[in-house]
């Protein structure tokens, strides 16, 4: 049980998947420059299916809110937070402020399928799920 709980974050995020796929991840549709990747991904993203909001800031920090446990609007403090970066088309998120289920120090990776003005599409290899997040205006 102790080894399963750190993965609740990934399971919840991955449950936002819009389709299952067993194909190899598609080529990344963003600039190869890390600076451009961060700029394109920085912003606030929402997954309606799981009622979560995920904020990626341009300075490499992120916050995640579980809207099911709140009034439906993000409020402080976030459920979990940490730092993020992009390396070779892979989004790496590291938990710095966790919970009893998601301890600090855990890191998760997602293949970046595409980044557009209104959508961020990630692929989680462990579950073979594609995750689509919509930008919050």
C-alpha atoms as a PDB file:
ATOM      1  CA  UNK A   1       0.000   0.000   0.000  1.00  0.00           C
ATOM      2  CA  UNK A   2       2.862   2.348   0.821  1.00  0.00           C
ATOM      3  CA  UNK A   3       4.185   2.117  -2.755  1.00  0.00           C
ATOM      4  CA  UNK A   4       0.785   2.671  -4.386  1.00  0.00           C
ATOM      5  CA  UNK A   5      -0.157   5.960  -2.738  1.00  0.00           C
ATOM      6  CA  UNK A   6       2.537   8.121  -4.419  1.00  0.00           C
ATOM      7  CA  UNK A   7       0.994   7.264  -7.744  1.00  0.00           C
ATOM      8  CA  UNK A   8      -2.460   8.645  -6.913  1.00  0.00           C
ATOM      9  CA  UNK A   9      -1.481  11.975  -8.464  1.00  0.00           C
ATOM     10  CA  UNK A  10      -0.574  10.310 -11.744  1.00  0.00           C
ATOM     11  CA  UNK A  11      -3.712   8.184 -11.703  1.00  0.00           C
ATOM     12  CA  UNK A  12      -5.927  11.180 -11.102  1.00  0.00           C
ATOM     13  CA  UNK A  13      -4.198  13.273 -13.760  1.00  0.00           C
ATOM     14  CA  UNK A  14      -4.249  10.388 -16.201  1.00  0.00           C
ATOM     15  CA  UNK A  15      -7.937   9.812 -15.648  1.00  0.00           C
ATOM     16  CA  UNK A  16      -8.373  12.984 -17.691  1.00  0.00           C
ATOM     17  CA  UNK A  17      -7.396  10.906 -20.700  1.00  0.00           C
ATOM     18  CA  UNK A  18      -9.461  11.491 -23.780  1.00  0.00           C
ATOM     19  CA  UNK A  19      -8.416   8.236 -25.415  1.00  0.00           C
ATOM     20  CA  UNK A  20      -6.396   5.131 -24.760  1.00  0.00           C
ATOM     21  CA  UNK A  21      -3.620   4.264 -27.133  1.00  0.00           C
ATOM     22  CA  UNK A  22      -0.965   1.613 -27.369  1.00  0.00           C
ATOM     23  CA  UNK A  23       0.889   3.409 -30.156  1.00  0.00           C
ATOM     24  CA  UNK A  24       4.302   4.878 -29.621  1.00  0.00           C
ATOM     25  CA  UNK A  25       3.970   8.566 -28.676  1.00  0.00           C
ATOM     26  CA  UNK A  26       3.739  10.929 -31.638  1.00  0.00           C
ATOM     27  CA  UNK A  27       6.455  13.443 -32.366  1.00  0.00           C
ATOM     28  CA  UNK A  28       6.426  16.483 -30.159  1.00  0.00           C
ATOM     29  CA  UNK A  29       4.762  19.444 -31.830  1.00  0.00           C
ATOM     30  CA  UNK A  30       6.722  22.162 -30.052  1.00  0.00           C
ATOM     31  CA  UNK A  31       9.948  23.981 -30.702  1.00  0.00           C
ATOM     32  CA  UNK A  32      13.054  22.035 -29.657  1.00  0.00           C
ATOM     33  CA  UNK A  33      14.251  25.026 -27.661  1.00  0.00           C
ATOM     34  CA  UNK A  34      13.602  24.506 -23.919  1.00  0.00           C
ATOM     35  CA  UNK A  35      12.900  28.214 -23.494  1.00  0.00           C
ATOM     36  CA  UNK A  36      10.178  28.138 -26.156  1.00  0.00           C
ATOM     37  CA  UNK A  37       8.682  24.955 -24.658  1.00  0.00           C
ATOM     38  CA  UNK A  38       8.384  26.561 -21.250  1.00  0.00           C
ATOM     39  CA  UNK A  39       6.872  29.719 -22.696  1.00  0.00           C
ATOM     40  CA  UNK A  40       4.292  27.731 -24.690  1.00  0.00           C
ATOM     41  CA  UNK A  41       3.336  25.536 -21.733  1.00  0.00           C
ATOM     42  CA  UNK A  42       3.257  28.240 -19.075  1.00  0.00           C
ATOM     43  CA  UNK A  43      -0.280  28.999 -18.029  1.00  0.00           C
ATOM     44  CA  UNK A  44      -3.254  27.557 -16.216  1.00  0.00           C
ATOM     45  CA  UNK A  45      -4.725  24.288 -17.486  1.00  0.00           C
ATOM     46  CA  UNK A  46      -8.000  22.554 -16.642  1.00  0.00           C
ATOM     47  CA  UNK A  47      -9.198  18.969 -16.916  1.00  0.00           C
ATOM     48  CA  UNK A  48     -13.000  18.939 -16.707  1.00  0.00           C
ATOM     49  CA  UNK A  49     -13.320  15.160 -16.347  1.00  0.00           C
ATOM     50  CA  UNK A  50     -11.416  15.056 -13.064  1.00  0.00           C
ATOM     51  CA  UNK A  51     -12.134  18.614 -11.915  1.00  0.00           C
ATOM     52  CA  UNK A  52      -8.534  19.702 -11.548  1.00  0.00           C
ATOM     53  CA  UNK A  53      -6.595  22.853 -12.328  1.00  0.00           C
ATOM     54  CA  UNK A  54      -2.857  22.738 -13.007  1.00  0.00           C
ATOM     55  CA  UNK A  55      -0.796  25.930 -13.191  1.00  0.00           C
ATOM     56  CA  UNK A  56       2.623  25.854 -14.865  1.00  0.00           C
ATOM     57  CA  UNK A  57       4.541  29.102 -14.392  1.00  0.00           C
ATOM     58  CA  UNK A  58       7.272  30.401 -16.682  1.00  0.00           C
ATOM     59  CA  UNK A  59       9.743  30.355 -13.780  1.00  0.00           C
ATOM     60  CA  UNK A  60       9.513  26.547 -13.567  1.00  0.00           C
ATOM     61  CA  UNK A  61       7.031  26.139 -10.700  1.00  0.00           C
ATOM     62  CA  UNK A  62       3.647  24.402 -10.736  1.00  0.00           C
ATOM     63  CA  UNK A  63       0.562  24.152  -8.539  1.00  0.00           C
ATOM     64  CA  UNK A  64      -2.273  21.660  -8.693  1.00  0.00           C
ATOM     65  CA  UNK A  65      -5.760  21.999  -7.240  1.00  0.00           C
ATOM     66  CA  UNK A  66      -8.372  19.286  -6.819  1.00  0.00           C
ATOM     67  CA  UNK A  67     -11.638  21.120  -7.469  1.00  0.00           C
ATOM     68  CA  UNK A  68     -13.797  18.266  -6.154  1.00  0.00           C
ATOM     69  CA  UNK A  69     -12.648  19.056  -2.612  1.00  0.00           C
ATOM     70  CA  UNK A  70     -13.287  22.789  -2.953  1.00  0.00           C
ATOM     71  CA  UNK A  71     -15.968  25.140  -4.166  1.00  0.00           C
ATOM     72  CA  UNK A  72     -15.037  24.556  -7.815  1.00  0.00           C
ATOM     73  CA  UNK A  73     -12.564  27.448  -7.837  1.00  0.00           C
ATOM     74  CA  UNK A  74      -8.832  27.375  -7.094  1.00  0.00           C
ATOM     75  CA  UNK A  75      -7.911  28.748  -3.706  1.00  0.00           C
ATOM     76  CA  UNK A  76      -4.738  28.737  -1.668  1.00  0.00           C
ATOM     77  CA  UNK A  77      -3.075  26.569  -0.761  1.00  0.00           C
ATOM     78  CA  UNK A  78      -2.964  24.202  -3.743  1.00  0.00           C
ATOM     79  CA  UNK A  79      -3.280  20.455  -3.119  1.00  0.00           C
ATOM     80  CA  UNK A  80       0.323  19.878  -4.264  1.00  0.00           C
ATOM     81  CA  UNK A  81       3.060  21.945  -5.880  1.00  0.00           C
ATOM     82  CA  UNK A  82       6.634  21.804  -7.044  1.00  0.00           C
ATOM     83  CA  UNK A  83       8.955  22.489  -9.952  1.00  0.00           C
ATOM     84  CA  UNK A  84       8.849  21.474 -13.603  1.00  0.00           C
ATOM     85  CA  UNK A  85      11.025  21.461 -16.684  1.00  0.00           C
ATOM     86  CA  UNK A  86      11.093  20.042 -20.200  1.00  0.00           C
ATOM     87  CA  UNK A  87      13.877  17.720 -21.364  1.00  0.00           C
ATOM     88  CA  UNK A  88      13.928  16.122 -24.830  1.00  0.00           C
ATOM     89  CA  UNK A  89      10.170  16.484 -25.279  1.00  0.00           C
ATOM     90  CA  UNK A  90       9.365  15.131 -21.812  1.00  0.00           C
ATOM     91  CA  UNK A  91       7.601  17.151 -19.120  1.00  0.00           C
ATOM     92  CA  UNK A  92       9.124  16.424 -15.717  1.00  0.00           C
ATOM     93  CA  UNK A  93       7.175  17.533 -12.633  1.00  0.00           C
ATOM     94  CA  UNK A  94       8.736  17.225  -9.195  1.00  0.00           C
ATOM     95  CA  UNK A  95       6.620  17.375  -6.045  1.00  0.00           C
ATOM     96  CA  UNK A  96       8.035  19.762  -3.443  1.00  0.00           C
ATOM     97  CA  UNK A  97       4.939  20.299  -1.311  1.00  0.00           C
ATOM     98  CA  UNK A  98       3.017  17.061  -1.181  1.00  0.00           C
ATOM     99  CA  UNK A  99       0.372  15.315   0.846  1.00  0.00           C
ATOM    100  CA  UNK A 100       0.278  12.140   2.891  1.00  0.00           C
ATOM    101  CA  UNK A 101      -0.541  10.307  -0.349  1.00  0.00           C
ATOM    102  CA  UNK A 102       1.918  12.149  -2.594  1.00  0.00           C
ATOM    103  CA  UNK A 103       5.126  12.856  -0.679  1.00  0.00           C
ATOM    104  CA  UNK A 104       7.630  15.558  -1.517  1.00  0.00           C
ATOM    105  CA  UNK A 105      10.527  14.380  -3.672  1.00  0.00           C
ATOM    106  CA  UNK A 106       8.487  12.249  -6.073  1.00  0.00           C
ATOM    107  CA  UNK A 107       8.869  13.124  -9.778  1.00  0.00           C
ATOM    108  CA  UNK A 108       6.539  12.231 -12.661  1.00  0.00           C
ATOM    109  CA  UNK A 109       7.171  12.338 -16.405  1.00  0.00           C
ATOM    110  CA  UNK A 110       4.860  12.847 -19.371  1.00  0.00           C
ATOM    111  CA  UNK A 111       5.675  12.786 -23.083  1.00  0.00           C
ATOM    112  CA  UNK A 112       4.561  16.037 -24.662  1.00  0.00           C
ATOM    113  CA  UNK A 113       2.360  15.272 -27.651  1.00  0.00           C
ATOM    114  CA  UNK A 114       1.470  18.872 -28.490  1.00  0.00           C
ATOM    115  CA  UNK A 115       1.211  22.358 -27.085  1.00  0.00           C
ATOM    116  CA  UNK A 116      -1.220  24.793 -28.645  1.00  0.00           C
ATOM    117  CA  UNK A 117      -2.723  28.087 -27.552  1.00  0.00           C
ATOM    118  CA  UNK A 118      -5.743  26.347 -26.022  1.00  0.00           C
ATOM    119  CA  UNK A 119      -4.709  22.719 -25.436  1.00  0.00           C
ATOM    120  CA  UNK A 120      -1.856  20.767 -23.894  1.00  0.00           C
ATOM    121  CA  UNK A 121      -1.719  17.095 -24.848  1.00  0.00           C
ATOM    122  CA  UNK A 122       0.443  14.754 -22.784  1.00  0.00           C
ATOM    123  CA  UNK A 123       1.073  11.015 -22.914  1.00  0.00           C
ATOM    124  CA  UNK A 124       1.647   8.920 -19.802  1.00  0.00           C
ATOM    125  CA  UNK A 125       3.620   5.844 -20.831  1.00  0.00           C
ATOM    126  CA  UNK A 126       2.853   3.830 -17.700  1.00  0.00           C
ATOM    127  CA  UNK A 127      -0.892   3.852 -18.313  1.00  0.00           C
ATOM    128  CA  UNK A 128      -0.658   4.357 -22.094  1.00  0.00           C
ATOM    129  CA  UNK A 129      -3.156   7.199 -21.829  1.00  0.00           C
ATOM    130  CA  UNK A 130      -3.304  10.487 -23.643  1.00  0.00           C
ATOM    131  CA  UNK A 131      -4.245  13.446 -21.449  1.00  0.00           C
ATOM    132  CA  UNK A 132      -5.787  16.600 -22.867  1.00  0.00           C
ATOM    133  CA  UNK A 133      -5.806  19.749 -20.764  1.00  0.00           C
ATOM    134  CA  UNK A 134      -7.561  22.965 -21.828  1.00  0.00           C
ATOM    135  CA  UNK A 135      -6.113  26.401 -21.145  1.00  0.00           C
ATOM    136  CA  UNK A 136      -8.022  28.538 -18.680  1.00  0.00           C
ATOM    137  CA  UNK A 137      -8.701  32.002 -20.080  1.00  0.00           C
END
